[in-house]
Amino acid sequence: MSKKDSAASVEEQYDERGRLIITDPSQIPENMTEEEVVDFWDKYAMSEELLNESYIEDDDLPPT
C-alpha cells in the first residue's frame, strides 16, 4: 500500500477549532494567493507529526 493510499484510508480528524487535520505536505496546495492561504488555514491544520517534520532549527534560518 502506498503512502497516498494509506492516507486516504485514515479517518478524517479535526482539531478543536473544527479544522481538518492534514498529515502530508502534498495536501497543501501550491501557488495560492495570499487570500487563498488565509482561507486554507482557516479550514485546515497540520498534524503534530507534520509540524515536527517541518520544524526548522533556529540555526537553519537566515540571519535577520
N, C-alpha and C. Protein backbone atom coordinates (compact mmCIF):
# COMPACT_ATOMS: atom_id res chain seq x y z
N MET A 1 0.85 -1.18 0.00
CA MET A 1 0.00 0.00 0.00
C MET A 1 0.89 1.24 0.00
N SER A 2 0.62 2.16 -0.90
CA SER A 2 1.44 3.37 -0.98
C SER A 2 1.08 4.34 0.14
N LYS A 3 1.95 5.32 0.35
CA LYS A 3 1.71 6.34 1.38
C LYS A 3 0.40 7.08 1.10
N LYS A 4 0.15 7.35 -0.19
CA LYS A 4 -1.06 8.07 -0.57
C LYS A 4 -2.30 7.22 -0.27
N ASP A 5 -2.23 5.90 -0.59
CA ASP A 5 -3.36 5.01 -0.32
C ASP A 5 -3.63 4.90 1.17
N SER A 6 -2.58 4.82 1.97
CA SER A 6 -2.77 4.68 3.42
C SER A 6 -3.35 5.97 4.00
N ALA A 7 -2.98 7.12 3.44
CA ALA A 7 -3.53 8.38 3.92
C ALA A 7 -5.01 8.47 3.60
N ALA A 8 -5.42 7.95 2.46
CA ALA A 8 -6.82 8.00 2.07
C ALA A 8 -7.68 7.09 2.93
N SER A 9 -7.08 6.04 3.49
CA SER A 9 -7.85 5.09 4.28
C SER A 9 -7.97 5.52 5.74
N VAL A 10 -7.26 6.55 6.15
CA VAL A 10 -7.31 7.04 7.53
C VAL A 10 -8.55 7.91 7.70
N GLU A 11 -9.22 7.72 8.84
CA GLU A 11 -10.41 8.53 9.12
C GLU A 11 -10.03 9.99 9.30
N GLU A 12 -10.84 10.88 8.76
CA GLU A 12 -10.56 12.31 8.88
C GLU A 12 -10.62 12.73 10.34
N GLN A 13 -9.69 13.60 10.73
CA GLN A 13 -9.64 14.11 12.09
C GLN A 13 -9.70 15.63 12.04
N TYR A 14 -10.27 16.21 13.09
CA TYR A 14 -10.44 17.65 13.17
C TYR A 14 -9.84 18.16 14.46
N ASP A 15 -9.32 19.40 14.43
CA ASP A 15 -8.77 19.99 15.65
C ASP A 15 -9.89 20.63 16.46
N GLU A 16 -9.51 21.27 17.58
CA GLU A 16 -10.50 21.86 18.50
C GLU A 16 -11.28 23.01 17.86
N ARG A 17 -10.76 23.58 16.79
CA ARG A 17 -11.46 24.66 16.08
C ARG A 17 -12.29 24.15 14.91
N GLY A 18 -12.31 22.82 14.73
CA GLY A 18 -13.10 22.24 13.66
C GLY A 18 -12.39 22.19 12.32
N ARG A 19 -11.08 22.45 12.32
CA ARG A 19 -10.31 22.41 11.07
C ARG A 19 -9.87 20.98 10.79
N LEU A 20 -9.93 20.59 9.52
CA LEU A 20 -9.48 19.26 9.10
C LEU A 20 -7.97 19.18 9.26
N ILE A 21 -7.48 18.13 9.89
CA ILE A 21 -6.05 17.97 10.12
C ILE A 21 -5.43 17.27 8.91
N ILE A 22 -4.41 17.91 8.34
CA ILE A 22 -3.70 17.32 7.22
C ILE A 22 -2.44 16.64 7.73
N THR A 23 -2.05 15.55 7.06
CA THR A 23 -0.95 14.73 7.55
C THR A 23 0.20 14.61 6.57
N ASP A 24 0.07 15.24 5.40
CA ASP A 24 1.10 15.11 4.38
C ASP A 24 1.26 16.45 3.66
N PRO A 25 2.49 16.85 3.38
CA PRO A 25 2.71 18.13 2.69
C PRO A 25 2.00 18.20 1.33
N SER A 26 1.77 17.08 0.70
CA SER A 26 1.11 17.07 -0.61
C SER A 26 -0.34 17.55 -0.51
N GLN A 27 -0.88 17.61 0.69
CA GLN A 27 -2.25 18.07 0.90
C GLN A 27 -2.34 19.61 0.93
N ILE A 28 -1.19 20.27 0.91
CA ILE A 28 -1.16 21.73 0.93
C ILE A 28 -1.01 22.22 -0.51
N PRO A 29 -2.00 22.94 -1.02
CA PRO A 29 -1.91 23.42 -2.40
C PRO A 29 -0.73 24.38 -2.60
N GLU A 30 -0.18 24.35 -3.80
CA GLU A 30 0.91 25.26 -4.14
C GLU A 30 0.35 26.46 -4.87
N ASN A 31 1.15 27.51 -4.92
CA ASN A 31 0.84 28.71 -5.70
C ASN A 31 -0.50 29.36 -5.32
N MET A 32 -0.80 29.40 -4.03
CA MET A 32 -2.02 30.06 -3.58
C MET A 32 -1.78 31.56 -3.46
N THR A 33 -2.84 32.32 -3.67
CA THR A 33 -2.77 33.75 -3.41
C THR A 33 -2.78 33.94 -1.90
N GLU A 34 -2.48 35.14 -1.44
CA GLU A 34 -2.49 35.41 0.00
C GLU A 34 -3.88 35.16 0.58
N GLU A 35 -4.91 35.54 -0.15
CA GLU A 35 -6.28 35.32 0.29
C GLU A 35 -6.60 33.83 0.38
N GLU A 36 -6.12 33.06 -0.60
CA GLU A 36 -6.34 31.61 -0.59
C GLU A 36 -5.61 30.95 0.57
N VAL A 37 -4.42 31.44 0.91
CA VAL A 37 -3.65 30.90 2.04
C VAL A 37 -4.42 31.11 3.33
N VAL A 38 -4.94 32.31 3.53
CA VAL A 38 -5.72 32.61 4.74
C VAL A 38 -6.94 31.71 4.81
N ASP A 39 -7.65 31.57 3.71
CA ASP A 39 -8.84 30.73 3.65
C ASP A 39 -8.49 29.27 3.92
N PHE A 40 -7.38 28.80 3.34
CA PHE A 40 -6.95 27.41 3.53
C PHE A 40 -6.68 27.12 5.00
N TRP A 41 -5.88 27.97 5.66
CA TRP A 41 -5.52 27.72 7.05
C TRP A 41 -6.66 28.00 8.03
N ASP A 42 -7.72 28.64 7.57
CA ASP A 42 -8.93 28.75 8.38
C ASP A 42 -9.67 27.42 8.41
N LYS A 43 -9.47 26.59 7.38
CA LYS A 43 -10.19 25.33 7.24
C LYS A 43 -9.35 24.10 7.57
N TYR A 44 -8.02 24.24 7.53
CA TYR A 44 -7.12 23.09 7.71
C TYR A 44 -6.06 23.39 8.75
N ALA A 45 -5.54 22.33 9.38
CA ALA A 45 -4.45 22.45 10.35
C ALA A 45 -3.48 21.30 10.11
N MET A 46 -2.21 21.51 10.45
CA MET A 46 -1.21 20.45 10.31
C MET A 46 -1.26 19.53 11.52
N SER A 47 -1.04 18.24 11.26
CA SER A 47 -0.93 17.28 12.36
C SER A 47 0.35 17.57 13.13
N GLU A 48 0.43 17.11 14.36
CA GLU A 48 1.63 17.29 15.18
C GLU A 48 2.84 16.68 14.48
N GLU A 49 2.66 15.52 13.86
CA GLU A 49 3.76 14.86 13.17
C GLU A 49 4.26 15.71 12.01
N LEU A 50 3.33 16.29 11.24
CA LEU A 50 3.72 17.13 10.11
C LEU A 50 4.40 18.40 10.61
N LEU A 51 3.91 18.97 11.68
CA LEU A 51 4.57 20.15 12.26
C LEU A 51 5.99 19.82 12.69
N ASN A 52 6.18 18.67 13.33
CA ASN A 52 7.52 18.27 13.77
C ASN A 52 8.44 18.02 12.59
N GLU A 53 7.93 17.43 11.51
CA GLU A 53 8.73 17.18 10.32
C GLU A 53 9.15 18.49 9.65
N SER A 54 8.30 19.49 9.73
CA SER A 54 8.57 20.74 9.02
C SER A 54 9.27 21.77 9.90
N TYR A 55 9.58 21.41 11.13
CA TYR A 55 10.23 22.33 12.05
C TYR A 55 11.62 22.71 11.55
N ILE A 56 11.93 23.98 11.60
CA ILE A 56 13.23 24.50 11.16
C ILE A 56 13.99 24.96 12.39
N GLU A 57 15.18 24.43 12.58
CA GLU A 57 16.03 24.84 13.69
C GLU A 57 16.42 26.31 13.50
N ASP A 58 16.57 27.03 14.60
CA ASP A 58 16.97 28.43 14.54
C ASP A 58 18.28 28.59 13.76
N ASP A 59 19.19 27.63 13.89
CA ASP A 59 20.47 27.70 13.21
C ASP A 59 20.32 27.62 11.69
N ASP A 60 19.20 27.07 11.21
CA ASP A 60 18.97 26.92 9.78
C ASP A 60 18.28 28.12 9.15
N LEU A 61 17.83 29.06 9.98
CA LEU A 61 17.14 30.24 9.47
C LEU A 61 18.15 31.28 8.99
N PRO A 62 17.78 32.05 7.99
CA PRO A 62 18.68 33.12 7.55
C PRO A 62 18.80 34.19 8.62
N PRO A 63 19.92 34.90 8.64
CA PRO A 63 20.07 35.97 9.65
C PRO A 63 19.07 37.09 9.41
N THR A 64 18.67 37.72 10.49
CA THR A 64 17.70 38.82 10.37
C THR A 64 18.40 40.16 10.46
